């Protein structure tokens, strides 16, 4: 509704994971650096954690876009799959056609694929999002896939992406072997107040916003206080602010404007 009013090419604060809108805050840049290092150096297991809405899924998609053409990637978004269905999904995403859909046949097919990639000078990466939801048996199955290696390097790099509960799951006694294999860890923290200002400006710029569309300093402070610096919550509140701004025919988002939006999001009525 407000795109034409603000002369925007697209909505700047969608909650979908669009790498084009990724704001590389210091913590997101560091996370990308950790991931690329672990993958390029063939470290095996990597774990990235962060709160709900911290931008982990967007980070994964940005990572995929930054990997070279010699890196084959499988991205699993449904982490609650049983073991065989998980192996099936991994094989399908890698483009592998197994002889049979049994656990043994799937593991052998994936192993053959990894050896083929090595012989061609390629790397292979498996990214599992929402990994905190995986069953311990599924995590153990993934660990078994990492067993194939040369004397110097791993043939499959496995990135576990999840909420902080992933760390608790990896502390389970039955997963001690997997935990010991994680060579790279990083936690994506929330944005600071200054980063919130940069984040909002970045997304407005990508969407083609004119210079007169402004979030004032007090508005930024209110947004940071309410959202805790979580990008998904920032998007929801900023989108609400633009919608209300369209209704009020204003290009200036000040602190009172944001406070009213917060009340509306919380279901409170103005007095």
C-alpha atoms as a PDB file:
ATOM      1  CA  UNK A   1       0.000   0.000   0.000  1.00  0.00           C
ATOM      2  CA  UNK A   2       2.764   2.444   0.884  1.00  0.00           C
ATOM      3  CA  UNK A   3       5.270   1.616  -1.879  1.00  0.00           C
ATOM      4  CA  UNK A   4       3.874   4.094  -4.400  1.00  0.00           C
ATOM      5  CA  UNK A   5       3.510   6.826  -1.776  1.00  0.00           C
ATOM      6  CA  UNK A   6       7.174   6.483  -0.720  1.00  0.00           C
ATOM      7  CA  UNK A   7       8.350   5.767  -4.312  1.00  0.00           C
ATOM      8  CA  UNK A   8       9.881   2.430  -3.305  1.00  0.00           C
ATOM      9  CA  UNK A   9      10.935  -0.251  -5.795  1.00  0.00           C
ATOM     10  CA  UNK A  10       9.963  -2.937  -3.306  1.00  0.00           C
ATOM     11  CA  UNK A  11       8.928  -3.314   0.321  1.00  0.00           C
ATOM     12  CA  UNK A  12      12.071  -2.769   2.433  1.00  0.00           C
ATOM     13  CA  UNK A  13      11.051  -4.653   5.567  1.00  0.00           C
ATOM     14  CA  UNK A  14       9.708  -8.025   4.460  1.00  0.00           C
ATOM     15  CA  UNK A  15      10.391 -10.792   6.994  1.00  0.00           C
ATOM     16  CA  UNK A  16      11.414 -13.285   4.287  1.00  0.00           C
ATOM     17  CA  UNK A  17      15.100 -14.241   4.076  1.00  0.00           C
ATOM     18  CA  UNK A  18      16.300 -12.191   1.107  1.00  0.00           C
ATOM     19  CA  UNK A  19      20.115 -12.031   0.793  1.00  0.00           C
ATOM     20  CA  UNK A  20      19.787  -8.874  -1.321  1.00  0.00           C
ATOM     21  CA  UNK A  21      18.708  -7.042   1.831  1.00  0.00           C
ATOM     22  CA  UNK A  22      21.336  -8.589   4.098  1.00  0.00           C
ATOM     23  CA  UNK A  23      22.932  -5.906   6.248  1.00  0.00           C
ATOM     24  CA  UNK A  24      26.402  -7.081   7.112  1.00  0.00           C
ATOM     25  CA  UNK A  25      26.740  -5.848  10.665  1.00  0.00           C
ATOM     26  CA  UNK A  26      30.071  -6.640  12.338  1.00  0.00           C
ATOM     27  CA  UNK A  27      28.562  -9.796  13.881  1.00  0.00           C
ATOM     28  CA  UNK A  28      27.087 -10.977  10.561  1.00  0.00           C
ATOM     29  CA  UNK A  29      30.340 -10.260   8.732  1.00  0.00           C
ATOM     30  CA  UNK A  30      32.273 -12.188  11.349  1.00  0.00           C
ATOM     31  CA  UNK A  31      29.830 -15.087  11.085  1.00  0.00           C
ATOM     32  CA  UNK A  32      30.286 -15.177   7.297  1.00  0.00           C
ATOM     33  CA  UNK A  33      34.064 -15.097   7.715  1.00  0.00           C
ATOM     34  CA  UNK A  34      33.906 -18.014  10.182  1.00  0.00           C
ATOM     35  CA  UNK A  35      31.713 -20.020   7.823  1.00  0.00           C
ATOM     36  CA  UNK A  36      33.822 -19.385   4.732  1.00  0.00           C
ATOM     37  CA  UNK A  37      37.008 -20.202   6.636  1.00  0.00           C
ATOM     38  CA  UNK A  38      35.589 -23.485   7.946  1.00  0.00           C
ATOM     39  CA  UNK A  39      34.309 -24.493   4.531  1.00  0.00           C
ATOM     40  CA  UNK A  40      37.332 -23.469   2.474  1.00  0.00           C
ATOM     41  CA  UNK A  41      39.741 -25.064   4.964  1.00  0.00           C
ATOM     42  CA  UNK A  42      37.587 -28.228   5.094  1.00  0.00           C
ATOM     43  CA  UNK A  43      37.197 -28.200   8.866  1.00  0.00           C
ATOM     44  CA  UNK A  44      34.273 -30.640   8.890  1.00  0.00           C
ATOM     45  CA  UNK A  45      31.679 -29.506  11.421  1.00  0.00           C
ATOM     46  CA  UNK A  46      30.668 -25.869  11.954  1.00  0.00           C
ATOM     47  CA  UNK A  47      27.965 -24.528  14.292  1.00  0.00           C
ATOM     48  CA  UNK A  48      26.275 -21.125  14.031  1.00  0.00           C
ATOM     49  CA  UNK A  49      23.744 -20.095  16.678  1.00  0.00           C
ATOM     50  CA  UNK A  50      21.594 -17.037  17.280  1.00  0.00           C
ATOM     51  CA  UNK A  51      18.276 -15.967  18.731  1.00  0.00           C
ATOM     52  CA  UNK A  52      15.017 -16.342  16.788  1.00  0.00           C
ATOM     53  CA  UNK A  53      14.934 -13.697  14.055  1.00  0.00           C
ATOM     54  CA  UNK A  54      18.643 -12.840  14.304  1.00  0.00           C
ATOM     55  CA  UNK A  55      19.136 -13.372  10.563  1.00  0.00           C
ATOM     56  CA  UNK A  56      20.652 -16.879  10.538  1.00  0.00           C
ATOM     57  CA  UNK A  57      18.672 -18.161   7.553  1.00  0.00           C
ATOM     58  CA  UNK A  58      19.412 -15.021   5.526  1.00  0.00           C
ATOM     59  CA  UNK A  59      23.056 -15.468   6.487  1.00  0.00           C
ATOM     60  CA  UNK A  60      23.007 -19.029   5.113  1.00  0.00           C
ATOM     61  CA  UNK A  61      21.583 -17.882   1.794  1.00  0.00           C
ATOM     62  CA  UNK A  62      24.159 -15.078   1.603  1.00  0.00           C
ATOM     63  CA  UNK A  63      26.879 -17.651   2.296  1.00  0.00           C
ATOM     64  CA  UNK A  64      25.683 -19.836  -0.570  1.00  0.00           C
ATOM     65  CA  UNK A  65      25.823 -16.848  -2.917  1.00  0.00           C
ATOM     66  CA  UNK A  66      29.420 -16.167  -1.872  1.00  0.00           C
ATOM     67  CA  UNK A  67      30.792 -19.684  -2.331  1.00  0.00           C
ATOM     68  CA  UNK A  68      32.693 -20.380  -5.541  1.00  0.00           C
ATOM     69  CA  UNK A  69      31.467 -22.560  -8.401  1.00  0.00           C
ATOM     70  CA  UNK A  70      33.577 -25.494  -7.203  1.00  0.00           C
ATOM     71  CA  UNK A  71      31.553 -25.831  -4.019  1.00  0.00           C
ATOM     72  CA  UNK A  72      28.475 -28.059  -4.132  1.00  0.00           C
ATOM     73  CA  UNK A  73      25.829 -27.161  -1.546  1.00  0.00           C
ATOM     74  CA  UNK A  74      22.847 -28.965  -0.036  1.00  0.00           C
ATOM     75  CA  UNK A  75      20.518 -26.837   2.109  1.00  0.00           C
ATOM     76  CA  UNK A  76      18.111 -28.633   4.448  1.00  0.00           C
ATOM     77  CA  UNK A  77      15.364 -26.442   5.911  1.00  0.00           C
ATOM     78  CA  UNK A  78      13.287 -29.225   7.508  1.00  0.00           C
ATOM     79  CA  UNK A  79      15.455 -30.420  10.386  1.00  0.00           C
ATOM     80  CA  UNK A  80      12.797 -32.644  11.996  1.00  0.00           C
ATOM     81  CA  UNK A  81      12.953 -35.327   9.317  1.00  0.00           C
ATOM     82  CA  UNK A  82      13.570 -38.945  10.439  1.00  0.00           C
ATOM     83  CA  UNK A  83      16.962 -40.412   9.525  1.00  0.00           C
ATOM     84  CA  UNK A  84      16.117 -41.998   6.157  1.00  0.00           C
ATOM     85  CA  UNK A  85      14.034 -39.036   5.000  1.00  0.00           C
ATOM     86  CA  UNK A  86      16.866 -36.727   6.038  1.00  0.00           C
ATOM     87  CA  UNK A  87      19.378 -38.753   4.009  1.00  0.00           C
ATOM     88  CA  UNK A  88      16.901 -38.742   1.116  1.00  0.00           C
ATOM     89  CA  UNK A  89      16.617 -34.950   1.307  1.00  0.00           C
ATOM     90  CA  UNK A  90      20.412 -34.548   1.412  1.00  0.00           C
ATOM     91  CA  UNK A  91      20.857 -36.827  -1.594  1.00  0.00           C
ATOM     92  CA  UNK A  92      18.128 -35.031  -3.542  1.00  0.00           C
ATOM     93  CA  UNK A  93      19.587 -31.582  -2.838  1.00  0.00           C
ATOM     94  CA  UNK A  94      22.998 -32.744  -4.019  1.00  0.00           C
ATOM     95  CA  UNK A  95      21.370 -34.207  -7.144  1.00  0.00           C
ATOM     96  CA  UNK A  96      22.174 -37.784  -6.147  1.00  0.00           C
ATOM     97  CA  UNK A  97      19.963 -40.632  -7.390  1.00  0.00           C
ATOM     98  CA  UNK A  98      20.442 -43.630  -5.035  1.00  0.00           C
ATOM     99  CA  UNK A  99      19.924 -47.213  -6.164  1.00  0.00           C
ATOM    100  CA  UNK A 100      17.524 -47.771  -3.259  1.00  0.00           C
ATOM    101  CA  UNK A 101      16.014 -45.636  -0.544  1.00  0.00           C
ATOM    102  CA  UNK A 102      17.466 -47.542   2.377  1.00  0.00           C
ATOM    103  CA  UNK A 103      19.842 -46.051   4.926  1.00  0.00           C
ATOM    104  CA  UNK A 104      22.797 -48.100   3.717  1.00  0.00           C
ATOM    105  CA  UNK A 105      22.161 -47.375   0.027  1.00  0.00           C
ATOM    106  CA  UNK A 106      21.738 -43.661   0.672  1.00  0.00           C
ATOM    107  CA  UNK A 107      24.944 -43.400   2.726  1.00  0.00           C
ATOM    108  CA  UNK A 108      26.901 -45.294   0.056  1.00  0.00           C
ATOM    109  CA  UNK A 109      25.495 -43.056  -2.698  1.00  0.00           C
ATOM    110  CA  UNK A 110      26.402 -39.901  -0.774  1.00  0.00           C
ATOM    111  CA  UNK A 111      29.891 -41.252  -0.081  1.00  0.00           C
ATOM    112  CA  UNK A 112      30.411 -42.021  -3.779  1.00  0.00           C
ATOM    113  CA  UNK A 113      29.260 -38.509  -4.628  1.00  0.00           C
ATOM    114  CA  UNK A 114      31.734 -36.981  -2.171  1.00  0.00           C
ATOM    115  CA  UNK A 115      34.615 -39.024  -3.600  1.00  0.00           C
ATOM    116  CA  UNK A 116      33.629 -37.907  -7.108  1.00  0.00           C
ATOM    117  CA  UNK A 117      33.635 -34.283  -5.985  1.00  0.00           C
ATOM    118  CA  UNK A 118      37.111 -34.725  -4.473  1.00  0.00           C
ATOM    119  CA  UNK A 119      38.434 -36.256  -7.696  1.00  0.00           C
ATOM    120  CA  UNK A 120      37.095 -33.219  -9.589  1.00  0.00           C
ATOM    121  CA  UNK A 121      38.690 -30.773  -7.156  1.00  0.00           C
ATOM    122  CA  UNK A 122      35.329 -29.721  -5.716  1.00  0.00           C
ATOM    123  CA  UNK A 123      34.167 -29.183  -2.145  1.00  0.00           C
ATOM    124  CA  UNK A 124      30.803 -30.257  -0.698  1.00  0.00           C
ATOM    125  CA  UNK A 125      28.791 -28.432   1.971  1.00  0.00           C
ATOM    126  CA  UNK A 126      25.715 -29.556   3.864  1.00  0.00           C
ATOM    127  CA  UNK A 127      23.814 -26.743   5.639  1.00  0.00           C
ATOM    128  CA  UNK A 128      21.075 -27.734   8.100  1.00  0.00           C
ATOM    129  CA  UNK A 129      18.885 -24.885   9.336  1.00  0.00           C
ATOM    130  CA  UNK A 130      16.948 -25.024  12.628  1.00  0.00           C
ATOM    131  CA  UNK A 131      19.294 -27.808  13.704  1.00  0.00           C
ATOM    132  CA  UNK A 132      18.179 -27.477  17.343  1.00  0.00           C
ATOM    133  CA  UNK A 133      15.034 -29.388  16.263  1.00  0.00           C
ATOM    134  CA  UNK A 134      16.944 -32.429  15.021  1.00  0.00           C
ATOM    135  CA  UNK A 135      16.561 -35.735  16.796  1.00  0.00           C
ATOM    136  CA  UNK A 136      19.754 -37.026  18.410  1.00  0.00           C
ATOM    137  CA  UNK A 137      19.609 -40.075  16.104  1.00  0.00           C
ATOM    138  CA  UNK A 138      19.460 -37.780  13.044  1.00  0.00           C
ATOM    139  CA  UNK A 139      22.419 -35.755  14.316  1.00  0.00           C
ATOM    140  CA  UNK A 140      24.355 -38.972  14.817  1.00  0.00           C
ATOM    141  CA  UNK A 141      23.528 -40.013  11.249  1.00  0.00           C
ATOM    142  CA  UNK A 142      24.895 -36.689   9.999  1.00  0.00           C
ATOM    143  CA  UNK A 143      28.031 -37.269  12.081  1.00  0.00           C
ATOM    144  CA  UNK A 144      28.520 -40.591  10.315  1.00  0.00           C
ATOM    145  CA  UNK A 145      28.503 -38.785   6.968  1.00  0.00           C
ATOM    146  CA  UNK A 146      31.522 -36.805   8.149  1.00  0.00           C
ATOM    147  CA  UNK A 147      33.577 -39.979   8.661  1.00  0.00           C
ATOM    148  CA  UNK A 148      34.689 -40.055   5.049  1.00  0.00           C
ATOM    149  CA  UNK A 149      37.950 -38.128   4.842  1.00  0.00           C
ATOM    150  CA  UNK A 150      41.444 -38.189   3.436  1.00  0.00           C
ATOM    151  CA  UNK A 151      44.559 -38.063   5.598  1.00  0.00           C
ATOM    152  CA  UNK A 152      44.465 -34.258   5.475  1.00  0.00           C
ATOM    153  CA  UNK A 153      40.895 -33.058   4.998  1.00  0.00           C
ATOM    154  CA  UNK A 154      37.179 -33.695   5.311  1.00  0.00           C
ATOM    155  CA  UNK A 155      35.191 -34.474   2.185  1.00  0.00           C
ATOM    156  CA  UNK A 156      31.946 -33.015   3.543  1.00  0.00           C
ATOM    157  CA  UNK A 157      31.651 -29.741   5.448  1.00  0.00           C
ATOM    158  CA  UNK A 158      28.558 -29.727   7.683  1.00  0.00           C
ATOM    159  CA  UNK A 159      27.090 -26.443   8.946  1.00  0.00           C
ATOM    160  CA  UNK A 160      24.605 -26.739  11.817  1.00  0.00           C
ATOM    161  CA  UNK A 161      22.542 -23.557  12.156  1.00  0.00           C
ATOM    162  CA  UNK A 162      20.199 -23.108  15.079  1.00  0.00           C
ATOM    163  CA  UNK A 163      18.869 -21.284  18.092  1.00  0.00           C
ATOM    164  CA  UNK A 164      20.861 -21.273  21.364  1.00  0.00           C
ATOM    165  CA  UNK A 165      19.130 -24.551  22.306  1.00  0.00           C
ATOM    166  CA  UNK A 166      21.395 -26.242  19.749  1.00  0.00           C
ATOM    167  CA  UNK A 167      24.263 -25.929  22.221  1.00  0.00           C
ATOM    168  CA  UNK A 168      22.180 -27.709  24.874  1.00  0.00           C
ATOM    169  CA  UNK A 169      21.357 -30.518  22.456  1.00  0.00           C
ATOM    170  CA  UNK A 170      25.022 -30.968  21.552  1.00  0.00           C
ATOM    171  CA  UNK A 171      25.757 -31.375  25.281  1.00  0.00           C
ATOM    172  CA  UNK A 172      23.716 -34.612  25.366  1.00  0.00           C
ATOM    173  CA  UNK A 173      25.914 -37.615  26.344  1.00  0.00           C
ATOM    174  CA  UNK A 174      24.972 -39.539  23.190  1.00  0.00           C
ATOM    175  CA  UNK A 175      26.270 -36.686  21.012  1.00  0.00           C
ATOM    176  CA  UNK A 176      29.672 -36.279  22.643  1.00  0.00           C
ATOM    177  CA  UNK A 177      31.473 -37.550  19.514  1.00  0.00           C
ATOM    178  CA  UNK A 178      29.710 -34.987  17.349  1.00  0.00           C
ATOM    179  CA  UNK A 179      30.392 -32.125  19.780  1.00  0.00           C
ATOM    180  CA  UNK A 180      34.101 -32.951  19.815  1.00  0.00           C
ATOM    181  CA  UNK A 181      34.214 -32.670  16.016  1.00  0.00           C
ATOM    182  CA  UNK A 182      32.858 -29.126  15.796  1.00  0.00           C
ATOM    183  CA  UNK A 183      35.881 -27.108  14.705  1.00  0.00           C
ATOM    184  CA  UNK A 184      34.235 -23.716  14.168  1.00  0.00           C
ATOM    185  CA  UNK A 185      31.583 -22.090  16.387  1.00  0.00           C
ATOM    186  CA  UNK A 186      30.010 -18.653  16.296  1.00  0.00           C
ATOM    187  CA  UNK A 187      27.039 -16.942  17.952  1.00  0.00           C
ATOM    188  CA  UNK A 188      25.221 -14.211  16.004  1.00  0.00           C
ATOM    189  CA  UNK A 189      24.413 -11.475  18.524  1.00  0.00           C
ATOM    190  CA  UNK A 190      21.628  -8.892  18.274  1.00  0.00           C
ATOM    191  CA  UNK A 191      22.244  -5.485  16.675  1.00  0.00           C
ATOM    192  CA  UNK A 192      23.363  -2.500  18.725  1.00  0.00           C
ATOM    193  CA  UNK A 193      21.427   0.786  18.561  1.00  0.00           C
ATOM    194  CA  UNK A 194      23.894   2.209  16.045  1.00  0.00           C
ATOM    195  CA  UNK A 195      23.646  -0.960  13.964  1.00  0.00           C
ATOM    196  CA  UNK A 196      19.840  -0.728  14.027  1.00  0.00           C
ATOM    197  CA  UNK A 197      20.130   2.741  12.464  1.00  0.00           C
ATOM    198  CA  UNK A 198      22.499   1.406   9.784  1.00  0.00           C
ATOM    199  CA  UNK A 199      20.277  -1.650   9.227  1.00  0.00           C
ATOM    200  CA  UNK A 200      17.162   0.467   8.607  1.00  0.00           C
ATOM    201  CA  UNK A 201      19.038   2.898   6.355  1.00  0.00           C
ATOM    202  CA  UNK A 202      20.542  -0.011   4.395  1.00  0.00           C
ATOM    203  CA  UNK A 203      17.192  -1.667   3.730  1.00  0.00           C
ATOM    204  CA  UNK A 204      15.576   1.625   2.736  1.00  0.00           C
ATOM    205  CA  UNK A 205      18.445   2.316   0.323  1.00  0.00           C
ATOM    206  CA  UNK A 206      18.191  -1.154  -1.264  1.00  0.00           C
ATOM    207  CA  UNK A 207      14.453  -0.592  -1.729  1.00  0.00           C
ATOM    208  CA  UNK A 208      15.121   2.740  -3.452  1.00  0.00           C
ATOM    209  CA  UNK A 209      13.755   5.044  -0.746  1.00  0.00           C
ATOM    210  CA  UNK A 210      14.040   8.788  -1.345  1.00  0.00           C
ATOM    211  CA  UNK A 211      16.214  10.864   0.988  1.00  0.00           C
ATOM    212  CA  UNK A 212      13.263  12.582   2.647  1.00  0.00           C
ATOM    213  CA  UNK A 213      12.042   9.288   4.151  1.00  0.00           C
ATOM    214  CA  UNK A 214      13.757   9.401   7.547  1.00  0.00           C
ATOM    215  CA  UNK A 215      13.723   7.490  10.833  1.00  0.00           C
ATOM    216  CA  UNK A 216      14.708  10.048  13.469  1.00  0.00           C
ATOM    217  CA  UNK A 217      17.225   9.327  16.239  1.00  0.00           C
ATOM    218  CA  UNK A 218      14.502   8.998  18.886  1.00  0.00           C
ATOM    219  CA  UNK A 219      12.635   6.576  16.635  1.00  0.00           C
ATOM    220  CA  UNK A 220      15.759   4.421  16.277  1.00  0.00           C
ATOM    221  CA  UNK A 221      16.196   4.366  20.060  1.00  0.00           C
ATOM    222  CA  UNK A 222      12.571   3.284  20.522  1.00  0.00           C
ATOM    223  CA  UNK A 223      12.918   0.580  17.861  1.00  0.00           C
ATOM    224  CA  UNK A 224      16.089  -0.787  19.454  1.00  0.00           C
ATOM    225  CA  UNK A 225      14.548  -0.794  22.918  1.00  0.00           C
ATOM    226  CA  UNK A 226      11.407  -2.618  21.767  1.00  0.00           C
ATOM    227  CA  UNK A 227      13.046  -5.160  19.446  1.00  0.00           C
ATOM    228  CA  UNK A 228      16.246  -5.834  21.368  1.00  0.00           C
ATOM    229  CA  UNK A 229      18.118  -5.470  18.068  1.00  0.00           C
ATOM    230  CA  UNK A 230      16.537  -8.602  16.510  1.00  0.00           C
ATOM    231  CA  UNK A 231      16.251  -8.021  12.734  1.00  0.00           C
ATOM    232  CA  UNK A 232      12.940  -9.850  12.283  1.00  0.00           C
ATOM    233  CA  UNK A 233      11.279  -7.731  14.972  1.00  0.00           C
ATOM    234  CA  UNK A 234      12.839  -4.587  13.517  1.00  0.00           C
ATOM    235  CA  UNK A 235      11.301  -5.462  10.144  1.00  0.00           C
ATOM    236  CA  UNK A 236       7.845  -5.939  11.651  1.00  0.00           C
ATOM    237  CA  UNK A 237       7.960  -2.633  13.526  1.00  0.00           C
ATOM    238  CA  UNK A 238       9.529  -0.630  10.681  1.00  0.00           C
ATOM    239  CA  UNK A 239       6.987  -2.015   8.216  1.00  0.00           C
ATOM    240  CA  UNK A 240       4.202  -0.971  10.595  1.00  0.00           C
ATOM    241  CA  UNK A 241       5.791   2.495  10.848  1.00  0.00           C
ATOM    242  CA  UNK A 242       5.761   2.936   7.058  1.00  0.00           C
ATOM    243  CA  UNK A 243       2.162   1.791   6.824  1.00  0.00           C
ATOM    244  CA  UNK A 244       1.088   4.264   9.510  1.00  0.00           C
ATOM    245  CA  UNK A 245       3.237   6.947   7.876  1.00  0.00           C
ATOM    246  CA  UNK A 246       1.393   6.355   4.605  1.00  0.00           C
ATOM    247  CA  UNK A 247      -1.947   6.750   6.387  1.00  0.00           C
ATOM    248  CA  UNK A 248      -0.733   9.957   8.075  1.00  0.00           C
ATOM    249  CA  UNK A 249       0.982  11.134   4.863  1.00  0.00           C
ATOM    250  CA  UNK A 250       4.342  11.709   6.557  1.00  0.00           C
ATOM    251  CA  UNK A 251       7.905  10.929   5.523  1.00  0.00           C
ATOM    252  CA  UNK A 252       9.276  11.533   9.028  1.00  0.00           C
ATOM    253  CA  UNK A 253       9.257   8.643  11.507  1.00  0.00           C
ATOM    254  CA  UNK A 254       9.746  10.196  14.944  1.00  0.00           C
ATOM    255  CA  UNK A 255       9.658   8.684  18.427  1.00  0.00           C
ATOM    256  CA  UNK A 256       5.953   9.370  18.981  1.00  0.00           C
ATOM    257  CA  UNK A 257       5.145   7.730  15.655  1.00  0.00           C
ATOM    258  CA  UNK A 258       7.106   4.598  16.634  1.00  0.00           C
ATOM    259  CA  UNK A 259       5.586   4.470  20.132  1.00  0.00           C
ATOM    260  CA  UNK A 260       2.118   4.543  18.617  1.00  0.00           C
ATOM    261  CA  UNK A 261       3.079   1.712  16.245  1.00  0.00           C
ATOM    262  CA  UNK A 262       4.356  -0.324  19.201  1.00  0.00           C
ATOM    263  CA  UNK A 263       1.055   0.167  21.022  1.00  0.00           C
ATOM    264  CA  UNK A 264      -0.833  -0.978  17.945  1.00  0.00           C
ATOM    265  CA  UNK A 265       1.379  -4.048  17.565  1.00  0.00           C
ATOM    266  CA  UNK A 266       0.767  -4.864  21.221  1.00  0.00           C
ATOM    267  CA  UNK A 267      -2.989  -4.543  20.702  1.00  0.00           C
ATOM    268  CA  UNK A 268      -3.297  -1.377  22.766  1.00  0.00           C
ATOM    269  CA  UNK A 269      -5.657   1.401  21.700  1.00  0.00           C
ATOM    270  CA  UNK A 270      -4.781   5.070  21.714  1.00  0.00           C
ATOM    271  CA  UNK A 271      -6.402   7.203  24.411  1.00  0.00           C
END
